[in-house]
Amino acid sequence: MLERFEESDVSCFEVEKEVLDRIADSGSPQGILAVATVKETDVDSLAQCRRVVVVDAVQDPGNLGAIARTAAAAGFDAIATSKGTADLWSSKAIRASAGASFALQSLRNFDLVSGLNTLREAGHFVVATDSKGDTELDALPLSEHMALVMGSEARGLSEVVANRANALVSVPMKPFVESLNVAVAAGLLMYRMR
């Protein structure tokens, strides 16, 4: 693998195992690390995408990575994260995404008010999840351009998002189950929206 990178004009440095163990933030690094600059998109480019997932204040990078992985698998084009959301490019989020984050256009520090307004003006049908939502998952209308907004694990959907959504969707559950993990709920919605 090292030879392939060197052939691509990528700067490579071989280090001792002890050095790798010291600089890696994983308990069991897989023998290779990368440092890269990530090219982020802008709101106008997001508005051209067919399917966008917006993640608002999700704290766990594992959940964020799982959302990115599912978004890529379900054919979404982009992921946007609001201020206060875990870093999509942290090592834990990248591991949880199994590298699928790199297949998506991405935008960090997405402004929910102006960003969702831009998506709506560009023709996106904005969907958000809410346990009290008036649209059931199976009844969600599909549109050519859609954006899914997922709220935080602790607080759920913010009022800012609820006021800008075209549909508030509830996922039917048995009464003894209070809620779903945010990544699981996102997966259900993304596959419904594909």
C-alpha atoms as a PDB file:
ATOM      1  CA  MET A   1       0.000   0.000   0.000  1.00  0.00           C
ATOM      2  CA  LEU A   2       2.861   2.357   0.832  1.00  0.00           C
ATOM      3  CA  GLU A   3       4.202   1.994  -2.702  1.00  0.00           C
ATOM      4  CA  ARG A   4       0.825   2.921  -4.205  1.00  0.00           C
ATOM      5  CA  PHE A   5       0.697   6.120  -2.155  1.00  0.00           C
ATOM      6  CA  GLU A   6       4.245   7.053  -3.095  1.00  0.00           C
ATOM      7  CA  GLU A   7       3.383   6.573  -6.788  1.00  0.00           C
ATOM      8  CA  SER A   8       0.542   9.078  -6.292  1.00  0.00           C
ATOM      9  CA  ASP A   9       2.847  11.844  -5.018  1.00  0.00           C
ATOM     10  CA  VAL A  10       1.505  11.469  -1.490  1.00  0.00           C
ATOM     11  CA  SER A  11       4.074  12.190   1.201  1.00  0.00           C
ATOM     12  CA  CYS A  12       4.600   9.018   3.209  1.00  0.00           C
ATOM     13  CA  PHE A  13       6.545   8.459   6.392  1.00  0.00           C
ATOM     14  CA  GLU A  14       7.301   5.077   7.869  1.00  0.00           C
ATOM     15  CA  VAL A  15       7.510   5.043  11.672  1.00  0.00           C
ATOM     16  CA  GLU A  16       8.213   2.478  14.356  1.00  0.00           C
ATOM     17  CA  LYS A  17       5.237   0.706  15.948  1.00  0.00           C
ATOM     18  CA  GLU A  18       5.846   2.533  19.244  1.00  0.00           C
ATOM     19  CA  VAL A  19       5.559   5.909  17.479  1.00  0.00           C
ATOM     20  CA  LEU A  20       2.373   4.841  15.689  1.00  0.00           C
ATOM     21  CA  ASP A  21       0.863   3.611  18.960  1.00  0.00           C
ATOM     22  CA  ARG A  22       1.701   6.930  20.634  1.00  0.00           C
ATOM     23  CA  ILE A  23       0.192   9.193  17.958  1.00  0.00           C
ATOM     24  CA  ALA A  24      -2.880   7.083  17.146  1.00  0.00           C
ATOM     25  CA  ASP A  25      -5.966   7.759  19.246  1.00  0.00           C
ATOM     26  CA  SER A  26      -7.184   4.203  18.860  1.00  0.00           C
ATOM     27  CA  GLY A  27      -6.254   1.424  21.254  1.00  0.00           C
ATOM     28  CA  SER A  28      -5.414  -0.822  18.319  1.00  0.00           C
ATOM     29  CA  PRO A  29      -4.304   1.165  15.252  1.00  0.00           C
ATOM     30  CA  GLN A  30      -4.401  -0.753  11.999  1.00  0.00           C
ATOM     31  CA  GLY A  31      -0.910   0.188  10.908  1.00  0.00           C
ATOM     32  CA  ILE A  32      -1.656   3.273   8.853  1.00  0.00           C
ATOM     33  CA  LEU A  33      -2.627   6.876   9.619  1.00  0.00           C
ATOM     34  CA  ALA A  34      -3.480   9.700   7.257  1.00  0.00           C
ATOM     35  CA  VAL A  35      -3.527  13.459   7.538  1.00  0.00           C
ATOM     36  CA  ALA A  36      -5.628  15.174   4.906  1.00  0.00           C
ATOM     37  CA  THR A  37      -7.388  18.406   4.125  1.00  0.00           C
ATOM     38  CA  VAL A  38     -11.102  17.879   3.638  1.00  0.00           C
ATOM     39  CA  LYS A  39     -12.768  19.978   0.954  1.00  0.00           C
ATOM     40  CA  GLU A  40     -16.128  21.127   2.241  1.00  0.00           C
ATOM     41  CA  THR A  41     -19.025  22.181   0.095  1.00  0.00           C
ATOM     42  CA  ASP A  42     -21.224  25.256   0.545  1.00  0.00           C
ATOM     43  CA  VAL A  43     -24.954  25.744   1.064  1.00  0.00           C
ATOM     44  CA  ASP A  44     -25.586  26.576  -2.596  1.00  0.00           C
ATOM     45  CA  SER A  45     -23.975  23.284  -3.638  1.00  0.00           C
ATOM     46  CA  LEU A  46     -26.047  21.417  -1.038  1.00  0.00           C
ATOM     47  CA  ALA A  47     -29.150  22.963  -2.585  1.00  0.00           C
ATOM     48  CA  GLN A  48     -28.298  21.206  -5.871  1.00  0.00           C
ATOM     49  CA  CYS A  49     -28.172  17.774  -4.207  1.00  0.00           C
ATOM     50  CA  ARG A  50     -31.069  15.363  -4.546  1.00  0.00           C
ATOM     51  CA  ARG A  51     -30.853  13.986  -0.979  1.00  0.00           C
ATOM     52  CA  VAL A  52     -29.249  15.736   2.008  1.00  0.00           C
ATOM     53  CA  VAL A  53     -29.095  14.711   5.656  1.00  0.00           C
ATOM     54  CA  VAL A  54     -28.693  17.520   8.196  1.00  0.00           C
ATOM     55  CA  VAL A  55     -27.488  16.558  11.661  1.00  0.00           C
ATOM     56  CA  ASP A  56     -28.264  18.971  14.492  1.00  0.00           C
ATOM     57  CA  ALA A  57     -26.320  18.765  17.774  1.00  0.00           C
ATOM     58  CA  VAL A  58     -25.659  15.012  17.730  1.00  0.00           C
ATOM     59  CA  GLN A  59     -22.902  14.582  20.314  1.00  0.00           C
ATOM     60  CA  ASP A  60     -21.679  11.022  19.807  1.00  0.00           C
ATOM     61  CA  PRO A  61     -19.209  10.740  16.906  1.00  0.00           C
ATOM     62  CA  GLY A  62     -20.150   7.058  16.629  1.00  0.00           C
ATOM     63  CA  ASN A  63     -23.764   8.014  15.936  1.00  0.00           C
ATOM     64  CA  LEU A  64     -22.654  10.676  13.454  1.00  0.00           C
ATOM     65  CA  GLY A  65     -20.408   8.215  11.623  1.00  0.00           C
ATOM     66  CA  ALA A  66     -23.202   5.644  11.496  1.00  0.00           C
ATOM     67  CA  ILE A  67     -25.542   8.268  10.026  1.00  0.00           C
ATOM     68  CA  ALA A  68     -22.941   9.140   7.367  1.00  0.00           C
ATOM     69  CA  ARG A  69     -22.393   5.466   6.528  1.00  0.00           C
ATOM     70  CA  THR A  70     -26.120   4.852   6.134  1.00  0.00           C
ATOM     71  CA  ALA A  71     -26.555   8.060   4.123  1.00  0.00           C
ATOM     72  CA  ALA A  72     -23.920   6.931   1.631  1.00  0.00           C
ATOM     73  CA  ALA A  73     -25.430   3.430   1.464  1.00  0.00           C
ATOM     74  CA  ALA A  74     -28.946   4.811   0.900  1.00  0.00           C
ATOM     75  CA  GLY A  75     -27.814   7.054  -1.954  1.00  0.00           C
ATOM     76  CA  PHE A  76     -27.769  10.405  -0.178  1.00  0.00           C
ATOM     77  CA  ASP A  77     -25.479  12.998  -1.731  1.00  0.00           C
ATOM     78  CA  ALA A  78     -24.479  15.135   1.228  1.00  0.00           C
ATOM     79  CA  ILE A  79     -24.307  15.547   4.979  1.00  0.00           C
ATOM     80  CA  ALA A  80     -24.399  18.860   6.831  1.00  0.00           C
ATOM     81  CA  THR A  81     -23.753  19.288  10.538  1.00  0.00           C
ATOM     82  CA  SER A  82     -24.831  22.229  12.661  1.00  0.00           C
ATOM     83  CA  LYS A  83     -22.622  24.002  15.163  1.00  0.00           C
ATOM     84  CA  GLY A  84     -22.392  21.923  18.337  1.00  0.00           C
ATOM     85  CA  THR A  85     -22.465  18.602  16.473  1.00  0.00           C
ATOM     86  CA  ALA A  86     -19.631  16.087  16.840  1.00  0.00           C
ATOM     87  CA  ASP A  87     -16.855  16.437  14.262  1.00  0.00           C
ATOM     88  CA  LEU A  88     -17.600  14.375  11.154  1.00  0.00           C
ATOM     89  CA  TRP A  89     -13.861  14.154  10.521  1.00  0.00           C
ATOM     90  CA  SER A  90     -12.834  12.893  13.968  1.00  0.00           C
ATOM     91  CA  SER A  91     -11.195   9.487  13.932  1.00  0.00           C
ATOM     92  CA  LYS A  92     -14.127   7.907  15.804  1.00  0.00           C
ATOM     93  CA  ALA A  93     -16.697   9.262  13.340  1.00  0.00           C
ATOM     94  CA  ILE A  94     -14.596   8.157  10.369  1.00  0.00           C
ATOM     95  CA  ARG A  95     -14.205   4.660  11.859  1.00  0.00           C
ATOM     96  CA  ALA A  96     -17.960   4.445  12.530  1.00  0.00           C
ATOM     97  CA  SER A  97     -18.646   5.516   8.943  1.00  0.00           C
ATOM     98  CA  ALA A  98     -16.224   2.851   7.664  1.00  0.00           C
ATOM     99  CA  GLY A  99     -14.853   5.603   5.415  1.00  0.00           C
ATOM    100  CA  ALA A 100     -18.251   6.292   3.810  1.00  0.00           C
ATOM    101  CA  SER A 101     -18.036   9.950   4.920  1.00  0.00           C
ATOM    102  CA  PHE A 102     -15.587  10.467   2.070  1.00  0.00           C
ATOM    103  CA  ALA A 103     -18.303   9.522  -0.452  1.00  0.00           C
ATOM    104  CA  LEU A 104     -20.539  12.407   0.658  1.00  0.00           C
ATOM    105  CA  GLN A 105     -20.330  16.124   0.101  1.00  0.00           C
ATOM    106  CA  SER A 106     -20.059  17.668   3.543  1.00  0.00           C
ATOM    107  CA  LEU A 107     -20.561  20.973   5.290  1.00  0.00           C
ATOM    108  CA  ARG A 108     -19.789  21.672   8.943  1.00  0.00           C
ATOM    109  CA  ASN A 109     -21.270  24.548  10.973  1.00  0.00           C
ATOM    110  CA  PHE A 110     -24.428  24.499   8.850  1.00  0.00           C
ATOM    111  CA  ASP A 111     -26.653  27.414   9.883  1.00  0.00           C
ATOM    112  CA  LEU A 112     -30.053  25.836  10.477  1.00  0.00           C
ATOM    113  CA  VAL A 113     -32.137  28.949   9.824  1.00  0.00           C
ATOM    114  CA  SER A 114     -30.576  30.228   6.615  1.00  0.00           C
ATOM    115  CA  GLY A 115     -29.472  26.771   5.437  1.00  0.00           C
ATOM    116  CA  LEU A 116     -32.895  25.151   5.711  1.00  0.00           C
ATOM    117  CA  ASN A 117     -34.460  28.228   4.126  1.00  0.00           C
ATOM    118  CA  THR A 118     -32.021  27.885   1.201  1.00  0.00           C
ATOM    119  CA  LEU A 119     -32.838  24.192   0.794  1.00  0.00           C
ATOM    120  CA  ARG A 120     -36.579  24.898   0.844  1.00  0.00           C
ATOM    121  CA  GLU A 121     -36.223  27.748  -1.662  1.00  0.00           C
ATOM    122  CA  ALA A 122     -34.323  25.341  -3.943  1.00  0.00           C
ATOM    123  CA  GLY A 123     -37.281  22.953  -3.839  1.00  0.00           C
ATOM    124  CA  HIS A 124     -36.273  20.528  -1.092  1.00  0.00           C
ATOM    125  CA  PHE A 125     -39.026  18.904   0.923  1.00  0.00           C
ATOM    126  CA  VAL A 126     -37.639  19.137   4.484  1.00  0.00           C
ATOM    127  CA  VAL A 127     -38.410  16.201   6.761  1.00  0.00           C
ATOM    128  CA  ALA A 128     -37.661  16.047  10.484  1.00  0.00           C
ATOM    129  CA  THR A 129     -38.368  13.368  13.063  1.00  0.00           C
ATOM    130  CA  ASP A 130     -40.474  14.024  16.112  1.00  0.00           C
ATOM    131  CA  SER A 131     -42.217  11.549  18.405  1.00  0.00           C
ATOM    132  CA  LYS A 132     -45.289  13.787  18.211  1.00  0.00           C
ATOM    133  CA  GLY A 133     -45.017  14.187  14.448  1.00  0.00           C
ATOM    134  CA  ASP A 134     -48.273  14.141  12.514  1.00  0.00           C
ATOM    135  CA  THR A 135     -46.912  12.125   9.571  1.00  0.00           C
ATOM    136  CA  GLU A 136     -46.218   8.417  10.009  1.00  0.00           C
ATOM    137  CA  LEU A 137     -43.127   6.980   8.375  1.00  0.00           C
ATOM    138  CA  ASP A 138     -45.084   4.890   5.852  1.00  0.00           C
ATOM    139  CA  ALA A 139     -47.187   7.900   4.832  1.00  0.00           C
ATOM    140  CA  LEU A 140     -44.227  10.205   4.151  1.00  0.00           C
ATOM    141  CA  PRO A 141     -44.690  11.784   0.714  1.00  0.00           C
ATOM    142  CA  LEU A 142     -41.630  11.536  -1.515  1.00  0.00           C
ATOM    143  CA  SER A 143     -40.259  14.397  -3.560  1.00  0.00           C
ATOM    144  CA  GLU A 144     -37.472  14.745  -6.135  1.00  0.00           C
ATOM    145  CA  HIS A 145     -35.349  16.785  -3.709  1.00  0.00           C
ATOM    146  CA  MET A 146     -35.478  16.036   0.006  1.00  0.00           C
ATOM    147  CA  ALA A 147     -33.599  16.964   3.156  1.00  0.00           C
ATOM    148  CA  LEU A 148     -33.777  14.960   6.365  1.00  0.00           C
ATOM    149  CA  VAL A 149     -32.983  16.701   9.659  1.00  0.00           C
ATOM    150  CA  MET A 150     -32.049  14.646  12.713  1.00  0.00           C
ATOM    151  CA  GLY A 151     -32.017  16.219  16.183  1.00  0.00           C
ATOM    152  CA  SER A 152     -29.718  15.517  19.104  1.00  0.00           C
ATOM    153  CA  GLU A 153     -29.733  12.348  21.170  1.00  0.00           C
ATOM    154  CA  ALA A 154     -30.606  14.229  24.370  1.00  0.00           C
ATOM    155  CA  ARG A 155     -32.935  17.026  23.280  1.00  0.00           C
ATOM    156  CA  GLY A 156     -34.329  15.768  20.005  1.00  0.00           C
ATOM    157  CA  LEU A 157     -35.566  18.246  17.448  1.00  0.00           C
ATOM    158  CA  SER A 158     -35.063  21.962  18.016  1.00  0.00           C
ATOM    159  CA  GLU A 159     -37.911  24.421  17.527  1.00  0.00           C
ATOM    160  CA  VAL A 160     -35.877  26.136  14.789  1.00  0.00           C
ATOM    161  CA  VAL A 161     -35.969  22.921  12.761  1.00  0.00           C
ATOM    162  CA  ALA A 162     -39.576  22.039  13.579  1.00  0.00           C
ATOM    163  CA  ASN A 163     -40.692  25.441  12.287  1.00  0.00           C
ATOM    164  CA  ARG A 164     -38.884  24.930   8.977  1.00  0.00           C
ATOM    165  CA  ALA A 165     -39.846  21.330   8.260  1.00  0.00           C
ATOM    166  CA  ASN A 166     -42.441  20.487   5.636  1.00  0.00           C
ATOM    167  CA  ALA A 167     -43.212  17.278   7.528  1.00  0.00           C
ATOM    168  CA  LEU A 168     -42.661  16.101  11.097  1.00  0.00           C
ATOM    169  CA  VAL A 169     -42.415  12.327  10.913  1.00  0.00           C
ATOM    170  CA  SER A 170     -42.988   9.871  13.727  1.00  0.00           C
ATOM    171  CA  VAL A 171     -41.685   6.320  13.682  1.00  0.00           C
ATOM    172  CA  PRO A 172     -44.295   3.887  15.034  1.00  0.00           C
ATOM    173  CA  MET A 173     -43.043   1.988  18.095  1.00  0.00           C
ATOM    174  CA  LYS A 174     -44.424  -0.222  20.818  1.00  0.00           C
ATOM    175  CA  PRO A 175     -45.576   1.850  23.821  1.00  0.00           C
ATOM    176  CA  PHE A 176     -42.903   0.472  26.153  1.00  0.00           C
ATOM    177  CA  VAL A 177     -40.109   1.827  23.904  1.00  0.00           C
ATOM    178  CA  GLU A 178     -39.475   5.508  24.588  1.00  0.00           C
ATOM    179  CA  SER A 179     -37.248   6.321  21.624  1.00  0.00           C
ATOM    180  CA  LEU A 180     -34.833   5.002  19.021  1.00  0.00           C
ATOM    181  CA  ASN A 181     -31.122   5.649  18.728  1.00  0.00           C
ATOM    182  CA  VAL A 182     -30.648   8.668  16.434  1.00  0.00           C
ATOM    183  CA  ALA A 183     -28.596   6.682  13.910  1.00  0.00           C
ATOM    184  CA  VAL A 184     -31.217   3.928  13.759  1.00  0.00           C
ATOM    185  CA  ALA A 185     -34.034   6.443  13.282  1.00  0.00           C
ATOM    186  CA  ALA A 186     -32.007   8.222  10.590  1.00  0.00           C
ATOM    187  CA  GLY A 187     -31.478   4.921   8.799  1.00  0.00           C
ATOM    188  CA  LEU A 188     -35.193   4.150   8.748  1.00  0.00           C
ATOM    189  CA  LEU A 189     -35.991   7.581   7.325  1.00  0.00           C
ATOM    190  CA  MET A 190     -33.169   7.591   4.768  1.00  0.00           C
ATOM    191  CA  TYR A 191     -34.209   4.247   3.332  1.00  0.00           C
ATOM    192  CA  ARG A 192     -37.827   5.428   3.178  1.00  0.00           C
ATOM    193  CA  MET A 193     -36.694   8.588   1.355  1.00  0.00           C
ATOM    194  CA  ARG A 194     -34.399   6.973  -1.174  1.00  0.00           C
END
